[in-house]
Amino acid sequence: MEIKGDKVVINKSAEAVFDFLNQVENFEQLMPESISKFEVLGPNAFLFALKGMPEIALETKSSVRPTQLVLGAKSDKLPFNLTGDLTPSGDNSCQIELCFSGDFNPMMAMMIKGPITKFIETLTTNLQKI
């Protein structure tokens, strides 16, 4: 299953946005208002929970400064990645696209598609405000 967010322009350099995203504690600023828990687990990992949803722990899986950052689930129960692809578009702006990809059975995919799409939209909207 793959869900791509909108490509949006951010009025910061790709390096600045990458550095912001590479510090996991900054993800708290991007979370939806319905967040009920956020905890930094280490320099490359954090845990969060949205109201009515289970806790999800993410860790940095790979990064290519300043064009890509891949976060993945710490647990093998729900294997997925959240990838941020950055494209520089000038000295002080860049484009970013968030992509969620995971290997889920059809029933699980149907249940999570809506909430994950909304989550990606919220992260993208909040990134434009940083």
C-alpha atoms as a PDB file:
ATOM      1  CA  MET A   1       0.000   0.000   0.000  1.00  0.00           C
ATOM      2  CA  GLU A   2       1.316   3.426  -0.905  1.00  0.00           C
ATOM      3  CA  ILE A   3      -0.120   6.827  -0.061  1.00  0.00           C
ATOM      4  CA  LYS A   4       1.501   9.948  -1.478  1.00  0.00           C
ATOM      5  CA  GLY A   5       0.908  13.362  -0.017  1.00  0.00           C
ATOM      6  CA  ASP A   6       0.733  16.544  -2.024  1.00  0.00           C
ATOM      7  CA  LYS A   7       3.975  18.110  -3.225  1.00  0.00           C
ATOM      8  CA  VAL A   8       4.218  21.428  -1.445  1.00  0.00           C
ATOM      9  CA  VAL A   9       6.650  24.320  -1.512  1.00  0.00           C
ATOM     10  CA  ILE A  10       8.343  25.311   1.733  1.00  0.00           C
ATOM     11  CA  ASN A  11      10.024  28.688   2.009  1.00  0.00           C
ATOM     12  CA  LYS A  12      13.204  27.266   3.502  1.00  0.00           C
ATOM     13  CA  SER A  13      16.205  25.638   1.894  1.00  0.00           C
ATOM     14  CA  ALA A  14      16.182  21.867   1.424  1.00  0.00           C
ATOM     15  CA  GLU A  15      19.096  21.672   3.879  1.00  0.00           C
ATOM     16  CA  ALA A  16      17.155  23.573   6.568  1.00  0.00           C
ATOM     17  CA  VAL A  17      14.048  21.399   6.131  1.00  0.00           C
ATOM     18  CA  PHE A  18      16.130  18.217   6.105  1.00  0.00           C
ATOM     19  CA  ASP A  19      17.947  19.278   9.295  1.00  0.00           C
ATOM     20  CA  PHE A  20      14.602  20.063  10.945  1.00  0.00           C
ATOM     21  CA  LEU A  21      13.164  16.642  10.039  1.00  0.00           C
ATOM     22  CA  ASN A  22      16.370  14.845  10.981  1.00  0.00           C
ATOM     23  CA  GLN A  23      15.871  15.924  14.617  1.00  0.00           C
ATOM     24  CA  VAL A  24      13.108  13.563  15.730  1.00  0.00           C
ATOM     25  CA  GLU A  25      11.967  15.823  18.580  1.00  0.00           C
ATOM     26  CA  ASN A  26      10.775  18.321  15.926  1.00  0.00           C
ATOM     27  CA  PHE A  27       8.079  15.914  14.753  1.00  0.00           C
ATOM     28  CA  GLU A  28       6.035  16.892  17.801  1.00  0.00           C
ATOM     29  CA  GLN A  29       5.479  20.290  16.117  1.00  0.00           C
ATOM     30  CA  LEU A  30       4.107  18.554  13.011  1.00  0.00           C
ATOM     31  CA  MET A  31       1.637  16.244  14.740  1.00  0.00           C
ATOM     32  CA  PRO A  32      -2.137  16.643  14.479  1.00  0.00           C
ATOM     33  CA  GLU A  33      -4.040  18.329  17.302  1.00  0.00           C
ATOM     34  CA  SER A  34      -5.444  14.909  18.252  1.00  0.00           C
ATOM     35  CA  ILE A  35      -2.046  13.773  19.544  1.00  0.00           C
ATOM     36  CA  SER A  36      -2.287  12.168  22.974  1.00  0.00           C
ATOM     37  CA  LYS A  37       1.352  11.170  23.461  1.00  0.00           C
ATOM     38  CA  PHE A  38       4.775  12.082  22.076  1.00  0.00           C
ATOM     39  CA  GLU A  39       8.022  10.708  23.456  1.00  0.00           C
ATOM     40  CA  VAL A  40      11.581  10.853  22.134  1.00  0.00           C
ATOM     41  CA  LEU A  41      13.109   7.373  22.452  1.00  0.00           C
ATOM     42  CA  GLY A  42      16.620   8.323  21.372  1.00  0.00           C
ATOM     43  CA  PRO A  43      18.483  10.480  18.864  1.00  0.00           C
ATOM     44  CA  ASN A  44      16.847   8.678  15.923  1.00  0.00           C
ATOM     45  CA  ALA A  45      13.518   7.427  17.284  1.00  0.00           C
ATOM     46  CA  PHE A  46      10.243   8.648  18.727  1.00  0.00           C
ATOM     47  CA  LEU A  47       6.887   7.304  19.774  1.00  0.00           C
ATOM     48  CA  PHE A  48       3.519   8.960  19.305  1.00  0.00           C
ATOM     49  CA  ALA A  49      -0.148   8.192  19.757  1.00  0.00           C
ATOM     50  CA  LEU A  50      -3.220   9.884  18.368  1.00  0.00           C
ATOM     51  CA  LYS A  51      -6.495   9.752  20.296  1.00  0.00           C
ATOM     52  CA  GLY A  52      -8.210   6.436  19.627  1.00  0.00           C
ATOM     53  CA  MET A  53      -5.174   4.919  17.891  1.00  0.00           C
ATOM     54  CA  PRO A  54      -2.389   2.640  19.155  1.00  0.00           C
ATOM     55  CA  GLU A  55       1.092   3.968  19.899  1.00  0.00           C
ATOM     56  CA  ILE A  56       3.464   4.015  16.935  1.00  0.00           C
ATOM     57  CA  ALA A  57       7.247   4.081  17.283  1.00  0.00           C
ATOM     58  CA  LEU A  58       9.279   5.404  14.360  1.00  0.00           C
ATOM     59  CA  GLU A  59      13.019   5.451  13.792  1.00  0.00           C
ATOM     60  CA  THR A  60      15.269   6.864  11.117  1.00  0.00           C
ATOM     61  CA  LYS A  61      15.997   4.094   8.610  1.00  0.00           C
ATOM     62  CA  SER A  62      18.057   6.057   6.102  1.00  0.00           C
ATOM     63  CA  SER A  63      18.857   9.577   5.024  1.00  0.00           C
ATOM     64  CA  VAL A  64      20.489  11.326   2.096  1.00  0.00           C
ATOM     65  CA  ARG A  65      21.145  14.942   3.012  1.00  0.00           C
ATOM     66  CA  PRO A  66      19.403  17.106   1.803  1.00  0.00           C
ATOM     67  CA  THR A  67      17.082  15.147  -0.496  1.00  0.00           C
ATOM     68  CA  GLN A  68      15.554  12.231   1.422  1.00  0.00           C
ATOM     69  CA  LEU A  69      14.723  11.054   4.922  1.00  0.00           C
ATOM     70  CA  VAL A  70      13.134   7.660   5.563  1.00  0.00           C
ATOM     71  CA  LEU A  71      11.454   6.845   8.868  1.00  0.00           C
ATOM     72  CA  GLY A  72      10.222   3.341   9.547  1.00  0.00           C
ATOM     73  CA  ALA A  73       8.261   1.474  12.164  1.00  0.00           C
ATOM     74  CA  LYS A  74      10.386   0.118  15.005  1.00  0.00           C
ATOM     75  CA  SER A  75       8.048  -2.882  15.264  1.00  0.00           C
ATOM     76  CA  ASP A  76       7.750  -5.640  12.685  1.00  0.00           C
ATOM     77  CA  LYS A  77       4.037  -5.998  13.526  1.00  0.00           C
ATOM     78  CA  LEU A  78       3.065  -3.154  11.185  1.00  0.00           C
ATOM     79  CA  PRO A  79       5.943  -2.776   8.732  1.00  0.00           C
ATOM     80  CA  PHE A  80       5.848   0.604   7.012  1.00  0.00           C
ATOM     81  CA  ASN A  81       8.014   3.548   5.986  1.00  0.00           C
ATOM     82  CA  LEU A  82       7.354   7.273   5.885  1.00  0.00           C
ATOM     83  CA  THR A  83       9.587   8.924   3.304  1.00  0.00           C
ATOM     84  CA  GLY A  84      10.178  12.629   2.843  1.00  0.00           C
ATOM     85  CA  ASP A  85      11.518  13.501  -0.605  1.00  0.00           C
ATOM     86  CA  LEU A  86      12.966  17.015  -0.863  1.00  0.00           C
ATOM     87  CA  THR A  87      13.706  18.872  -4.074  1.00  0.00           C
ATOM     88  CA  PRO A  88      15.655  22.130  -3.839  1.00  0.00           C
ATOM     89  CA  SER A  89      13.984  24.896  -5.845  1.00  0.00           C
ATOM     90  CA  GLY A  90      16.166  27.882  -5.087  1.00  0.00           C
ATOM     91  CA  ASP A  91      18.297  29.244  -2.272  1.00  0.00           C
ATOM     92  CA  ASN A  92      15.442  29.605   0.171  1.00  0.00           C
ATOM     93  CA  SER A  93      12.764  27.186  -0.963  1.00  0.00           C
ATOM     94  CA  CYS A  94      12.219  23.532  -1.689  1.00  0.00           C
ATOM     95  CA  GLN A  95       9.463  21.097  -2.519  1.00  0.00           C
ATOM     96  CA  ILE A  96       8.618  18.189  -0.262  1.00  0.00           C
ATOM     97  CA  GLU A  97       6.464  15.134  -0.809  1.00  0.00           C
ATOM     98  CA  LEU A  98       5.653  12.677   1.965  1.00  0.00           C
ATOM     99  CA  CYS A  99       4.992   9.070   1.020  1.00  0.00           C
ATOM    100  CA  PHE A 100       3.693   6.294   3.263  1.00  0.00           C
ATOM    101  CA  SER A 101       4.374   2.728   2.147  1.00  0.00           C
ATOM    102  CA  GLY A 102       3.602  -0.480   3.949  1.00  0.00           C
ATOM    103  CA  ASP A 103       2.878  -4.140   3.473  1.00  0.00           C
ATOM    104  CA  PHE A 104      -0.610  -4.768   4.851  1.00  0.00           C
ATOM    105  CA  ASN A 105      -3.327  -7.305   4.199  1.00  0.00           C
ATOM    106  CA  PRO A 106      -6.315  -5.920   2.256  1.00  0.00           C
ATOM    107  CA  MET A 107      -8.545  -5.604   5.341  1.00  0.00           C
ATOM    108  CA  MET A 108      -5.924  -3.669   7.318  1.00  0.00           C
ATOM    109  CA  ALA A 109      -5.139  -1.484   4.289  1.00  0.00           C
ATOM    110  CA  MET A 110      -8.814  -0.579   3.948  1.00  0.00           C
ATOM    111  CA  MET A 111      -9.081   0.333   7.645  1.00  0.00           C
ATOM    112  CA  ILE A 112      -5.979   2.539   7.809  1.00  0.00           C
ATOM    113  CA  LYS A 113      -6.051   4.246   4.398  1.00  0.00           C
ATOM    114  CA  GLY A 114      -8.303   7.127   5.518  1.00  0.00           C
ATOM    115  CA  PRO A 115      -6.542   7.922   8.810  1.00  0.00           C
ATOM    116  CA  ILE A 116      -3.068   7.643   7.232  1.00  0.00           C
ATOM    117  CA  THR A 117      -4.065   9.914   4.334  1.00  0.00           C
ATOM    118  CA  LYS A 118      -5.349  12.517   6.805  1.00  0.00           C
ATOM    119  CA  PHE A 119      -2.169  12.129   8.898  1.00  0.00           C
ATOM    120  CA  ILE A 120       0.057  12.735   5.832  1.00  0.00           C
ATOM    121  CA  GLU A 121      -2.026  15.798   4.904  1.00  0.00           C
ATOM    122  CA  THR A 122      -1.626  17.211   8.436  1.00  0.00           C
ATOM    123  CA  LEU A 123       2.143  16.642   8.468  1.00  0.00           C
ATOM    124  CA  THR A 124       2.438  18.324   5.065  1.00  0.00           C
ATOM    125  CA  THR A 125       0.312  21.316   6.123  1.00  0.00           C
ATOM    126  CA  ASN A 126       2.278  21.752   9.341  1.00  0.00           C
ATOM    127  CA  LEU A 127       5.593  21.505   7.483  1.00  0.00           C
ATOM    128  CA  GLN A 128       4.592  24.567   5.491  1.00  0.00           C
ATOM    129  CA  LYS A 129       4.314  26.499   8.784  1.00  0.00           C
ATOM    130  CA  ILE A 130       7.814  25.759  10.128  1.00  0.00           C
END
